[in-house]
Protein backbone atom coordinates (compact mmCIF):
# COMPACT_ATOMS: atom_id res chain seq x y z
CA MET A 1 57.32 -52.89 89.73
CA ALA A 2 59.11 -52.75 86.61
CA THR A 3 59.20 -56.32 85.97
CA GLN A 4 55.13 -56.51 86.26
CA SER A 5 55.29 -53.90 83.80
CA ARG A 6 57.27 -56.11 81.63
CA ASN A 7 54.97 -58.91 82.13
CA GLN A 8 52.11 -57.63 81.19
CA SER A 9 53.19 -56.55 77.85
CA LYS A 10 54.40 -59.70 76.87
CA SER A 11 51.31 -61.08 78.03
CA GLN A 12 49.39 -58.24 75.65
CA SER A 13 51.47 -59.04 73.03
CA LYS A 14 50.94 -62.73 73.07
CA ASN A 15 46.98 -62.28 73.11
CA GLN A 16 47.42 -59.52 70.04
CA SER A 17 49.57 -62.33 68.08
CA LYS A 18 47.13 -64.95 68.61
CA LYS A 19 44.39 -62.72 67.91
CA GLN A 20 46.23 -61.63 64.78
CA ARG A 21 46.84 -65.47 64.06
CA ALA A 22 43.32 -66.14 64.23
CA THR A 23 42.54 -63.27 61.79
CA ASP A 24 44.93 -64.59 59.22
CA ARG A 25 43.45 -67.78 59.58
CA ARG A 26 39.91 -66.83 59.31
CA ALA A 27 41.12 -64.56 56.53
CA THR A 28 42.68 -67.35 54.75
CA VAL A 29 39.80 -69.81 55.24
CA GLU A 30 37.46 -67.10 53.87
CA ARG A 31 39.76 -66.32 50.78
CA LEU A 32 40.25 -70.24 50.25
CA GLN A 33 36.37 -70.58 50.31
CA ARG A 34 35.79 -68.03 47.60
CA GLU A 35 38.80 -69.61 45.57
CA GLN A 36 36.68 -73.05 46.28
CA LYS A 37 33.23 -71.66 45.14
CA ALA A 38 34.82 -69.59 42.39
CA ARG A 39 36.11 -73.12 40.83
CA GLU A 40 32.89 -74.56 41.38
CA ARG A 41 31.10 -71.92 39.15
CA ARG A 42 33.84 -72.44 36.52
CA ARG A 43 33.09 -75.85 36.44
CA ALA A 44 29.61 -75.47 36.38
CA LEU A 45 29.68 -72.90 33.48
CA VAL A 46 31.81 -75.16 31.86
CA GLY A 47 29.82 -78.24 32.42
CA GLY A 48 26.44 -76.35 31.34
CA SER A 49 28.46 -75.03 28.30
CA VAL A 50 29.57 -78.65 27.39
CA VAL A 51 25.77 -80.17 27.63
CA VAL A 52 24.15 -77.41 25.74
CA VAL A 53 26.87 -77.70 23.27
CA ILE A 54 25.89 -81.95 23.30
CA LEU A 55 22.44 -80.63 22.64
CA LEU A 56 23.00 -78.17 20.01
CA VAL A 57 25.11 -80.60 17.93
CA ILE A 58 22.30 -83.29 18.87
CA ALA A 59 19.59 -80.87 17.57
CA GLY A 60 21.56 -79.71 14.45
CA GLY A 61 22.31 -83.51 13.51
CA VAL A 62 18.27 -84.54 13.80
CA PHE A 63 17.73 -81.06 11.76
CA PHE A 64 20.14 -81.84 9.25
CA SER A 65 18.87 -85.40 9.20
CA LEU A 66 15.15 -84.36 8.54
CA ARG A 67 16.51 -82.14 5.94
CA GLN A 68 18.09 -84.89 4.25
CA ASP A 69 15.05 -86.95 4.62
CA HIS A 70 12.67 -84.16 2.94
CA LYS A 71 15.66 -83.56 0.36
CA LYS A 72 15.69 -87.21 -0.72
CA SER A 73 11.82 -87.54 -0.82
CA ASP A 74 11.34 -83.99 -2.93
CA THR A 75 13.96 -85.60 -5.36
CA LEU A 76 13.09 -87.08 -8.73
CA ASN A 77 14.53 -90.45 -8.88
CA THR A 78 13.55 -91.56 -12.55
CA GLY A 79 15.62 -94.90 -11.80
CA GLN A 80 13.24 -96.56 -9.33
CA GLN A 81 10.24 -95.09 -11.33
CA VAL A 82 7.43 -98.05 -12.24
CA VAL A 83 4.42 -96.67 -14.35
CA PRO A 84 1.05 -97.93 -13.06
CA SER A 85 -0.02 -101.04 -15.18
CA SER A 86 -2.17 -100.66 -18.54
CA PRO A 87 -5.47 -102.33 -18.06
CA SER A 88 -6.20 -105.29 -21.09
CA GLY A 89 -9.09 -106.46 -22.29
CA ALA A 90 -11.92 -105.21 -24.02
CA THR A 91 -12.38 -101.74 -24.93
CA THR A 92 -15.18 -99.02 -23.56
CA THR A 93 -16.01 -96.01 -25.88
CA GLN A 94 -16.75 -92.63 -23.16
CA VAL A 95 -20.17 -90.68 -24.15
CA LYS A 96 -18.90 -86.80 -24.59
CA PRO A 97 -20.35 -85.27 -21.45
CA SER A 98 -22.19 -81.93 -21.99
CA LEU A 99 -20.98 -78.98 -21.03
CA VAL A 100 -22.17 -76.77 -18.05
CA LYS A 101 -21.50 -73.11 -16.76
CA ASN A 102 -18.26 -72.51 -14.82
CA PRO A 103 -18.98 -72.56 -10.96
CA THR A 104 -15.20 -70.51 -10.22
CA ASP A 105 -13.99 -67.13 -10.94
CA ILE A 106 -10.99 -68.53 -12.50
CA LYS A 107 -11.47 -67.83 -16.22
CA GLY A 108 -10.81 -70.24 -18.77
CA VAL A 109 -12.17 -73.09 -16.59
CA ILE A 110 -14.07 -75.91 -19.02
CA ALA A 111 -16.76 -77.61 -16.68
CA TYR A 112 -18.38 -81.25 -17.93
CA ASN A 113 -21.88 -82.30 -16.69
CA THR A 114 -20.68 -84.47 -13.69
CA GLY A 115 -24.84 -85.32 -13.18
CA ASP A 116 -26.27 -85.89 -9.56
CA TYR A 117 -23.55 -88.39 -8.34
CA PRO A 118 -23.74 -89.46 -5.38
CA GLY A 119 -27.37 -88.93 -5.64
CA PRO A 120 -29.30 -91.76 -6.91
CA GLY A 121 -27.13 -92.92 -9.32
CA THR A 122 -28.77 -92.24 -12.63
CA PRO A 123 -26.44 -89.15 -13.79
CA GLY A 124 -27.98 -89.14 -17.36
CA ARG A 125 -26.30 -90.18 -20.61
CA ASP A 126 -24.18 -86.93 -21.16
CA ALA A 127 -22.86 -87.05 -17.45
CA LEU A 128 -19.77 -88.21 -16.14
CA SER A 129 -20.28 -91.95 -15.23
CA HIS A 130 -18.33 -93.61 -12.32
CA ASP A 131 -18.66 -97.01 -14.12
CA HIS A 132 -15.65 -99.51 -13.09
CA VAL A 133 -14.60 -101.22 -16.35
CA ASN A 134 -11.42 -103.72 -16.43
CA GLY A 135 -10.22 -102.77 -20.03
CA PRO A 136 -9.00 -99.79 -21.66
CA VAL A 137 -11.46 -96.81 -22.21
CA LYS A 138 -11.80 -94.42 -24.99
CA TYR A 139 -12.25 -91.13 -23.86
CA ALA A 140 -14.13 -88.51 -25.15
CA VAL A 141 -12.01 -85.30 -23.29
CA THR A 142 -8.35 -85.34 -23.89
CA PRO A 143 -6.99 -85.48 -21.37
CA PRO A 144 -9.81 -87.21 -19.80
CA VAL A 145 -11.66 -85.13 -16.87
CA GLY A 146 -13.86 -88.04 -15.27
CA GLY A 147 -16.01 -91.08 -16.94
CA PRO A 148 -15.50 -95.05 -17.02
CA HIS A 149 -12.09 -96.10 -15.47
CA ASN A 150 -10.88 -99.25 -13.75
CA PRO A 151 -11.40 -100.33 -10.60
CA VAL A 152 -7.71 -99.67 -8.97
CA TRP A 153 -6.30 -96.39 -8.89
CA MET A 154 -2.82 -95.38 -9.16
CA ASN A 155 -0.19 -93.84 -6.79
CA ALA A 156 -0.18 -90.60 -6.93
CA GLY A 157 2.90 -87.99 -7.78
CA VAL A 158 5.32 -87.09 -10.48
CA TYR A 159 5.77 -89.64 -13.42
CA THR A 160 8.43 -88.85 -16.51
CA LYS A 161 6.83 -91.20 -18.80
CA PRO A 162 2.95 -91.13 -19.70
CA ILE A 163 0.42 -93.06 -17.34
CA PRO A 164 -2.27 -94.70 -18.23
CA SER A 165 -5.65 -92.90 -17.88
CA GLU A 166 -7.87 -95.40 -16.46
CA ARG A 167 -6.20 -95.15 -13.08
CA ALA A 168 -5.36 -91.21 -13.16
CA VAL A 169 -9.02 -90.81 -13.59
CA HIS A 170 -9.76 -93.28 -10.75
CA ASN A 171 -7.35 -90.72 -8.66
CA LEU A 172 -9.61 -87.80 -10.02
CA GLU A 173 -12.64 -89.32 -8.57
CA HIS A 174 -11.35 -89.48 -4.98
CA GLY A 175 -10.03 -85.63 -5.46
CA ALA A 176 -6.73 -85.70 -7.05
CA VAL A 177 -5.52 -83.20 -9.80
CA TRP A 178 -3.61 -84.30 -12.67
CA ILE A 179 -1.50 -82.17 -14.71
CA THR A 180 -0.41 -83.16 -18.42
CA TYR A 181 2.17 -81.59 -20.78
CA ARG A 182 2.92 -82.17 -24.33
CA PRO A 183 5.98 -84.64 -24.71
CA GLY A 184 7.92 -81.53 -26.50
CA LEU A 185 7.88 -79.32 -23.38
CA SER A 186 11.12 -78.03 -22.55
CA SER A 187 12.72 -79.11 -19.53
CA ALA A 188 12.98 -75.98 -17.69
CA ASP A 189 9.02 -75.84 -18.14
CA VAL A 190 8.94 -79.35 -16.59
CA THR A 191 11.11 -78.89 -13.99
CA GLN A 192 8.99 -75.57 -13.04
CA LEU A 193 5.98 -78.09 -12.80
CA VAL A 194 7.83 -80.17 -10.47
CA ASP A 195 8.19 -77.33 -8.49
CA LEU A 196 4.83 -76.34 -8.74
CA PHE A 197 4.18 -79.99 -7.23
CA LYS A 198 6.73 -79.81 -4.46
CA LYS A 199 5.16 -76.50 -3.08
CA GLN A 200 1.79 -77.92 -2.30
CA SER A 201 0.89 -79.38 0.97
CA MET A 202 0.35 -82.86 2.12
CA ILE A 203 -3.12 -83.79 2.84
CA ALA A 204 -4.15 -86.42 5.63
CA GLU A 205 -5.95 -89.23 4.42
CA PRO A 206 -8.93 -89.81 6.63
CA GLY A 207 -9.42 -92.99 8.25
CA ASP A 208 -6.10 -94.41 6.39
CA GLY A 209 -3.68 -94.46 9.43
CA GLY A 210 -2.51 -91.43 9.14
CA ARG A 211 -1.19 -91.13 5.26
CA SER A 212 -0.91 -88.21 3.67
CA ASN A 213 -0.26 -87.30 0.15
CA ARG A 214 -0.27 -84.19 -2.26
CA PHE A 215 -3.15 -85.49 -4.24
CA MET A 216 -1.67 -84.91 -7.68
CA ASP A 217 -0.10 -86.18 -10.71
CA LEU A 218 1.88 -85.30 -13.20
CA SER A 219 3.30 -86.93 -16.11
CA PRO A 220 3.58 -86.24 -19.67
CA TRP A 221 0.99 -86.84 -22.21
CA SER A 222 1.40 -89.74 -24.52
CA GLY A 223 0.95 -88.24 -27.79
CA ASN A 224 0.77 -84.77 -29.57
CA ASP A 225 -2.69 -84.42 -29.35
CA LEU A 226 -3.18 -82.37 -26.34
CA PRO A 227 -5.03 -79.13 -26.83
CA ALA A 228 -2.44 -77.19 -25.04
CA PRO A 229 1.09 -77.61 -23.76
CA ILE A 230 -0.29 -77.94 -20.49
CA VAL A 231 -3.40 -78.78 -19.32
CA ILE A 232 -4.66 -79.47 -15.50
CA SER A 233 -7.69 -81.48 -14.74
CA SER A 234 -9.77 -82.47 -12.02
CA TRP A 235 -13.70 -84.37 -11.80
CA GLY A 236 -15.42 -82.61 -14.38
CA TYR A 237 -13.44 -79.68 -14.71
CA GLN A 238 -10.62 -78.77 -17.25
CA LEU A 239 -7.75 -75.66 -18.01
CA ARG A 240 -5.30 -75.13 -20.59
CA VAL A 241 -2.53 -73.19 -20.47
CA GLN A 242 0.58 -72.29 -22.40
CA SER A 243 3.09 -71.72 -19.47
CA PRO A 244 4.00 -73.25 -16.32
CA ASP A 245 3.90 -69.69 -14.87
CA ASP A 246 -0.12 -69.04 -15.24
CA PRO A 247 -0.97 -68.21 -11.94
CA ARG A 248 -4.40 -69.79 -12.76
CA LEU A 249 -2.79 -73.54 -12.28
CA GLN A 250 -2.38 -72.50 -8.33
CA GLN A 251 -5.71 -71.33 -8.27
CA PHE A 252 -7.11 -74.55 -9.71
CA ILE A 253 -5.16 -76.93 -7.56
CA ASP A 254 -6.43 -74.69 -4.45
CA THR A 255 -9.99 -74.63 -5.68
CA PHE A 256 -10.43 -78.48 -7.04
CA ARG A 257 -8.05 -80.34 -5.16
CA HIS A 258 -9.50 -82.61 -2.35
CA ASN A 259 -12.37 -80.32 -2.22
CA PRO A 260 -15.88 -82.12 -0.88
CA LYS A 261 -17.72 -80.16 -3.33
CA TYR A 262 -16.11 -81.45 -6.30
CA SER A 263 -14.57 -84.76 -5.30
CA PRO A 264 -17.16 -87.42 -6.07
CA GLU A 265 -15.55 -89.67 -3.85
CA TYR A 266 -13.76 -86.97 -1.38
CA GLY A 267 -11.29 -88.72 1.47
CA ALA A 268 -10.35 -91.82 -0.63
CA ALA A 269 -6.66 -92.82 -0.98
CA VAL A 270 -4.63 -92.12 -3.69
CA ASP A 271 -1.97 -94.01 -2.94
CA GLY A 272 -1.09 -97.60 -0.92
CA VAL A 273 -1.48 -99.81 -4.38
CA PRO A 274 1.20 -102.17 -4.96
CA VAL A 275 3.54 -101.46 -7.19
CA GLN A 276 3.07 -103.90 -10.25
CA THR A 277 -0.42 -102.59 -10.46
CA GLY A 278 -0.19 -98.42 -8.85
CA GLY A 279 3.24 -97.81 -9.64
CA SER A 280 5.86 -95.99 -8.21
CA PRO A 281 6.37 -92.06 -8.91
CA ALA A 282 9.40 -90.57 -9.76
CA LEU A 283 8.92 -88.29 -6.88
CA ASN A 284 6.61 -89.68 -4.40
CA GLY A 285 3.79 -87.55 -3.05
CA SER A 286 3.21 -89.56 -0.19
CA SER A 287 4.61 -89.45 3.55
CA GLU A 288 4.70 -93.45 3.29
CA PRO A 289 6.62 -95.53 0.56
CA ASN A 290 4.23 -98.03 -1.79
CA LEU A 291 2.97 -100.78 -0.97
């Protein structure tokens, strides 16, 4: 009887030992599985972080490149500046256009008779004509606000040397505004005018392959006969100011620049002319290089 009890006790002990070992194995397997999952999660987190870092580096590089390109495009480059060519041949003398009432709320704007263009094509003798002439023009208004001009316009932008009026006037006809300043204007004031140019938005040129331009010219006047230190002009309109701080400069730009109401040939380009003729500005107002 005692022997039987001992055998039963041994059998129970073996069973308990087997159960314990099985429990221990399950616990070990579960622990190993948890550790494996934890390692996989860490690897996933590290891998994801690496991908994020790589993407951020790429994005940062692209942003930096775009910033650099923008800075380059908005930096004066006088070394590569080419002034538009001056017309040669017989001189045309402009008949002085008559004055009309200022149609805007901008005080000081001088308005000239623009005639009925593009109407029947007979604007009248005292209105701004749109004649194309090959030679130089003796303009009746300084700086000119329209009238006879060269058949080829110029590449718009900032020039640090005087530009031929005959080409600048053609730009006015296409909707550009032209800021001229006296040769003796301080460098600080000129820099402020360049900054004014830079802050203007680019404007898409309809039907011209997606090209865009600021539709602005900025240049010093060739002589000392400018009627004010700074003059801004569009086709048929002009404003004369004493300082680049004058808020009317921006008002004039907002009103007349590339405006179908005031641009006789709205939608025409003010760039895309070969450099030998149209010039290459020190600061290009175009999204594409000149031809």
